[in-house]
Structures are given as C-alpha cells and as structure tokens.
Amino acid sequence: MTRGLLATTSVLIHLIAVAALLWAHLGLADESTNENPIAVCSCLWQGSFTEVANDADLIMLGAVTEHRGNAADFAIEEIFRGPDWHTTVRVWLKARDYCRPDSENFPVGSRWVLALQHIDKLPQNAFDPSTPNISYGRLDDWVLSSCGGYFLQAHGGTVSGNLIPGTPRWDFDPDMNPVLIDLLRSHLLGNMGVETLKNAAQEDPEARALILNTRSFLRGQDTLLIEDSDPSTPP
C-alpha cells in the first residue's frame, strides 16, 4: 500500500513539473513580449534624404525641447516644405514594432532636419492605457521613419547624415563633408540639383592630401620662424 502511494505521488510530482515547465514557457514568452514594447522591426530601405524628401508631409529644421515616452517635442526653426503655421511639433519615435529611430538618438538640445509623415489615421490598438506614454502617436502629430535617410543632424549652418544617393544603407552617420543648410534648402526648393549636394558632401582627396601634408610640414617648425621685430625699432 505504501509502495503504491509513493508511486502515485511520484507520478503526480512528475506531471506537475511538466505542467509547470509548459506554463512557464508559454507564460514567460507572453510576459516578456508585454514587458518589452520595443521590438525589432524589418523594412525595406527607402533611400537617402534626397530620395525620400518628395514623399514627406513636412520637412523642417528644429531642436529637441523635451521627451515624452517615445515622442520628442521639437521647436521649429525653419520649415522647408509643408504646413508653415507650426512653431512646435511632436514627433513619435520607436515603440513596439514600429520602424522608427530610438528617441535616445535625439537628445534634448540637438538640432535636426526631419522628413516627417502626418498622422491622419490611427491603426487599431494604437493606444495602450497601461503604457500611455508609449504608443503609435496622436492624431495630427508626426511620425519619423528609420527606413531611410529621413533625418539629418544639424550643427550650426550645416547638416550631415544619409543625405545623398550612394550613401551606404542604414548608415546614418557616414563619413562626409557637412553640407550647408543653404544648399539643402535650395535643393528642396527645386533650385539646385542633387549633383551639387553630392559634390559638396564628397571630400576632395587632393585637397585632403594637401591639408595633411601642410600640417605635417609645419609640425615642429615654429622655432624656425623669425620673431616679429619691435615696430618702434627699425631692423
């Protein structure tokens, strides 16, 4: 009797262990999905900034003023294309499986030229009340894609990034000459071809070699230079 009870108990323990493993496998998978709203997305590369700009609803230069969940607020400095009455915009960035750049890439105070899409319709399950600051976005706000060169970083009066055709895909910080915002503006207005931007972005190897050779020659030569004479004393 005791031996039979022990066998039955052993079988029950085994079944409970198997059920627990199955439950953990299913439950943890669901739990990890719910806890991590940021998921890897896949999309086709749409092209450089000059290739995607024509499909943008708004192209603007602005600075990040605040982060709110997966959104960033921008104070607009200039609007190149699109509705021109905005002074600030909210741009929704990466969350869940949305193909957008991460908000951490846009620190407060940084300046950007953005090619944005308008949110005029919300998909189902766009808003999760349990994560109110992480969502698809709000109606009449804006979305920034990561499936092309939709954003260029601005420093002073220049921009850099995946600007021109031929820049490697998914490279958002390529080796290039910073391009004047004035040139980009002229291109967006249709007054300048993309070839001019290409020439401006591509570094002249001969000029680069001349600069390096000049620096190498002058390094350590300052002791050979004649000191300026006292202007009150003739040489």
Protein backbone atom coordinates (compact mmCIF):
# COMPACT_ATOMS: atom_id res chain seq x y z
CA MET A 1 0.00 0.00 0.00
CA THR A 2 2.77 2.38 0.96
CA ARG A 3 4.73 1.42 -2.15
CA GLY A 4 1.69 2.16 -4.37
CA LEU A 5 1.10 5.53 -2.69
CA LEU A 6 4.72 6.50 -3.26
CA ALA A 7 4.46 5.57 -6.95
CA THR A 8 1.27 7.60 -7.35
CA THR A 9 2.87 10.59 -5.61
CA SER A 10 5.92 10.32 -7.87
CA VAL A 11 3.72 10.35 -10.98
CA LEU A 12 1.79 13.37 -9.72
CA ILE A 13 5.01 15.27 -8.97
CA HIS A 14 6.29 14.46 -12.45
CA LEU A 15 3.06 15.69 -14.08
CA ILE A 16 3.09 18.88 -12.03
CA ALA A 17 6.71 19.54 -13.04
CA VAL A 18 5.89 19.04 -16.74
CA ALA A 19 2.85 21.33 -16.48
CA ALA A 20 4.92 23.96 -14.71
CA LEU A 21 7.54 23.88 -17.46
CA LEU A 22 4.87 24.26 -20.17
CA TRP A 23 3.19 27.07 -18.28
CA ALA A 24 6.48 28.86 -17.73
CA HIS A 25 7.38 28.54 -21.41
CA LEU A 26 4.06 29.97 -22.56
CA GLY A 27 3.62 32.47 -19.76
CA LEU A 28 7.14 33.88 -19.83
CA ALA A 29 7.00 34.34 -23.58
CA ASP A 30 3.84 36.39 -23.28
CA GLU A 31 5.20 38.26 -20.27
CA SER A 32 8.46 39.18 -22.00
CA THR A 33 6.51 40.46 -25.00
CA ASN A 34 4.31 42.64 -22.82
CA GLU A 35 7.21 43.97 -20.75
CA ASN A 36 9.25 44.92 -23.81
CA PRO A 37 7.26 47.33 -26.02
CA ILE A 38 10.39 47.95 -28.12
CA ALA A 39 10.72 45.22 -30.74
CA VAL A 40 12.96 44.69 -33.72
CA CYS A 41 11.31 45.75 -36.95
CA SER A 42 12.14 45.00 -40.56
CA CYS A 43 11.51 47.26 -43.53
CA LEU A 44 12.91 47.94 -46.97
CA TRP A 45 15.39 50.76 -47.35
CA GLN A 46 13.62 53.70 -48.99
CA GLY A 47 16.70 55.74 -49.91
CA SER A 48 18.72 58.74 -48.80
CA PHE A 49 17.23 62.01 -47.59
CA THR A 50 17.10 63.47 -51.10
CA GLU A 51 15.27 60.34 -52.30
CA VAL A 52 12.61 60.26 -49.57
CA ALA A 53 12.04 64.00 -49.20
CA ASN A 54 9.49 64.20 -52.01
CA ASP A 55 7.11 61.89 -50.13
CA ALA A 56 7.34 63.76 -46.82
CA ASP A 57 4.38 65.74 -45.48
CA LEU A 58 6.64 68.10 -43.54
CA ILE A 59 10.35 68.90 -43.85
CA MET A 60 11.64 71.05 -41.03
CA LEU A 61 14.70 72.18 -39.10
CA GLY A 62 14.22 72.15 -35.35
CA ALA A 63 15.68 71.47 -31.93
CA VAL A 64 14.56 68.88 -29.38
CA THR A 65 12.99 70.53 -26.34
CA GLU A 66 11.53 67.59 -24.41
CA HIS A 67 10.96 63.83 -24.44
CA ARG A 68 7.60 62.27 -23.63
CA GLY A 69 7.72 58.47 -23.72
CA ASN A 70 8.60 57.51 -27.26
CA ALA A 71 7.89 61.02 -28.55
CA ALA A 72 10.06 64.11 -28.79
CA ASP A 73 8.93 67.72 -28.99
CA PHE A 74 10.71 69.98 -31.45
CA ALA A 75 10.86 73.76 -31.58
CA ILE A 76 10.83 74.66 -35.27
CA GLU A 77 13.49 76.96 -36.66
CA GLU A 78 12.52 76.67 -40.31
CA ILE A 79 10.01 74.83 -42.45
CA PHE A 80 11.28 73.83 -45.87
CA ARG A 81 8.14 72.09 -47.10
CA GLY A 82 4.64 71.52 -45.74
CA PRO A 83 2.26 73.48 -43.50
CA ASP A 84 4.08 76.60 -42.34
CA TRP A 85 1.99 77.65 -39.33
CA HIS A 86 3.61 75.27 -36.84
CA THR A 87 6.06 76.56 -34.27
CA THR A 88 6.39 73.26 -32.42
CA VAL A 89 5.67 69.64 -33.36
CA ARG A 90 5.53 66.34 -31.53
CA VAL A 91 7.35 63.55 -33.35
CA TRP A 92 6.65 59.93 -32.43
CA LEU A 93 9.62 57.59 -32.49
CA LYS A 94 10.39 53.92 -31.87
CA ALA A 95 7.99 51.70 -29.94
CA ARG A 96 6.75 48.14 -30.30
CA ASP A 97 7.43 47.01 -33.88
CA TYR A 98 7.20 50.50 -35.43
CA CYS A 99 10.11 51.14 -37.79
CA ARG A 100 11.36 54.39 -36.31
CA PRO A 101 14.62 55.60 -34.75
CA ASP A 102 15.03 55.44 -30.99
CA SER A 103 14.24 58.59 -29.02
CA GLU A 104 17.62 58.28 -27.26
CA ASN A 105 19.26 59.23 -30.56
CA PHE A 106 17.66 62.68 -30.29
CA PRO A 107 18.91 64.25 -27.05
CA VAL A 108 17.40 67.45 -25.75
CA GLY A 109 19.06 70.44 -27.40
CA SER A 110 20.17 68.58 -30.53
CA ARG A 111 19.12 70.05 -33.89
CA TRP A 112 17.80 68.07 -36.84
CA VAL A 113 16.36 68.35 -40.32
CA LEU A 114 13.46 65.87 -40.42
CA ALA A 115 11.29 64.49 -43.23
CA LEU A 116 8.05 63.61 -41.42
CA GLN A 117 4.76 61.86 -42.12
CA HIS A 118 1.48 63.23 -40.77
CA ILE A 119 -0.68 61.06 -38.52
CA ASP A 120 -4.11 61.44 -40.09
CA LYS A 121 -5.42 58.00 -39.13
CA LEU A 122 -4.75 55.71 -36.19
CA PRO A 123 -4.46 51.93 -36.56
CA GLN A 124 -6.20 49.56 -34.18
CA ASN A 125 -4.52 49.12 -30.80
CA ALA A 126 -2.57 52.32 -31.37
CA PHE A 127 -3.02 53.32 -27.73
CA ASP A 128 -2.40 51.12 -24.69
CA PRO A 129 -3.79 52.63 -21.46
CA SER A 130 -1.24 50.63 -19.45
CA THR A 131 1.59 52.46 -21.27
CA PRO A 132 0.07 55.86 -22.09
CA ASN A 133 3.42 57.46 -22.97
CA ILE A 134 4.37 54.68 -25.36
CA SER A 135 2.10 54.44 -28.37
CA TYR A 136 1.75 54.81 -32.11
CA GLY A 137 1.07 58.51 -31.70
CA ARG A 138 -1.77 61.03 -31.65
CA LEU A 139 -3.87 62.32 -34.49
CA ASP A 140 -2.31 65.35 -36.20
CA ASP A 141 1.12 64.63 -34.74
CA TRP A 142 4.04 63.40 -36.81
CA VAL A 143 6.00 60.18 -37.37
CA LEU A 144 9.69 59.77 -38.21
CA SER A 145 10.70 56.63 -40.10
CA SER A 146 14.01 54.78 -39.81
CA CYS A 147 13.60 53.04 -43.18
CA GLY A 148 15.67 55.67 -45.00
CA GLY A 149 17.60 58.86 -44.52
CA TYR A 150 14.64 60.72 -43.05
CA PHE A 151 16.75 62.67 -40.55
CA LEU A 152 19.93 64.75 -40.78
CA GLN A 153 21.78 66.18 -37.80
CA ALA A 154 22.40 69.92 -37.88
CA HIS A 155 25.47 71.64 -36.47
CA GLY A 156 25.49 75.38 -36.88
CA GLY A 157 24.68 76.08 -40.53
CA THR A 158 25.43 72.58 -41.82
CA VAL A 159 23.86 69.11 -41.85
CA SER A 160 25.25 65.59 -42.09
CA GLY A 161 23.74 62.13 -42.38
CA ASN A 162 22.38 59.83 -45.06
CA LEU A 163 21.84 62.74 -47.41
CA ILE A 164 22.67 61.73 -50.97
CA PRO A 165 22.14 58.68 -53.20
CA GLY A 166 25.01 56.23 -52.93
CA THR A 167 25.43 56.59 -49.17
CA PRO A 168 25.53 53.08 -47.63
CA ARG A 169 22.16 51.85 -46.46
CA TRP A 170 21.42 52.09 -42.74
CA ASP A 171 24.44 54.35 -42.24
CA PHE A 172 23.08 57.44 -40.50
CA ASP A 173 26.50 58.89 -39.64
CA PRO A 174 28.61 58.44 -42.78
CA ASP A 175 32.00 59.96 -43.46
CA MET A 176 31.17 63.09 -45.43
CA ASN A 177 31.72 66.80 -45.62
CA PRO A 178 28.98 68.66 -43.73
CA VAL A 179 26.70 70.32 -46.26
CA LEU A 180 25.44 73.86 -45.88
CA ILE A 181 21.78 74.13 -44.94
CA ASP A 182 21.55 76.87 -47.58
CA LEU A 183 22.44 74.28 -50.25
CA LEU A 184 19.91 71.80 -48.89
CA ARG A 185 17.23 74.50 -48.84
CA SER A 186 17.98 75.42 -52.44
CA HIS A 187 17.70 71.76 -53.46
CA LEU A 188 14.38 71.29 -51.66
CA LEU A 189 13.03 74.41 -53.39
CA GLY A 190 13.98 72.93 -56.77
CA ASN A 191 16.71 75.47 -57.48
CA MET A 192 19.63 73.05 -57.28
CA GLY A 193 20.23 69.51 -58.48
CA VAL A 194 21.36 66.64 -56.31
CA GLU A 195 24.74 66.58 -58.06
CA THR A 196 25.66 69.84 -56.32
CA LEU A 197 24.88 68.26 -52.96
CA LYS A 198 26.96 65.23 -53.91
CA ASN A 199 29.92 67.44 -54.76
CA ALA A 200 29.53 69.33 -51.50
CA ALA A 201 29.29 66.14 -49.44
CA GLN A 202 32.18 64.32 -51.08
CA GLU A 203 35.57 65.25 -49.79
CA ASP A 204 38.17 66.15 -52.43
CA PRO A 205 41.03 63.63 -51.92
CA GLU A 206 43.61 66.04 -53.39
CA ALA A 207 42.54 68.83 -51.05
CA ARG A 208 42.59 66.41 -48.12
CA ALA A 209 46.12 65.24 -49.00
CA LEU A 210 47.29 68.86 -49.31
CA ILE A 211 45.90 69.69 -45.86
CA LEU A 212 47.59 66.66 -44.27
CA ASN A 213 50.91 67.36 -46.00
CA THR A 214 50.83 71.00 -44.91
CA ARG A 215 50.13 70.07 -41.30
CA SER A 216 52.93 67.51 -41.37
CA PHE A 217 55.38 70.05 -42.78
CA LEU A 218 54.51 72.74 -40.26
CA ARG A 219 54.55 70.43 -37.25
CA GLY A 220 57.56 71.41 -35.11
CA GLN A 221 58.69 74.17 -37.44
CA ASP A 222 57.55 77.10 -35.32
CA THR A 223 61.06 77.53 -33.84
CA LEU A 224 62.41 78.37 -37.30
CA LEU A 225 60.11 81.32 -37.79
CA ILE A 226 61.59 84.81 -37.32
CA GLU A 227 60.09 86.61 -34.39
CA ASP A 228 58.38 89.93 -35.13
CA SER A 229 60.67 92.92 -34.52
CA ASP A 230 59.74 95.74 -32.21
CA PRO A 231 57.81 98.11 -34.51
CA SER A 232 59.49 101.05 -32.80
CA THR A 233 62.97 99.73 -33.63
CA PRO A 234 64.00 99.52 -37.28
CA PRO A 235 65.54 96.17 -38.34
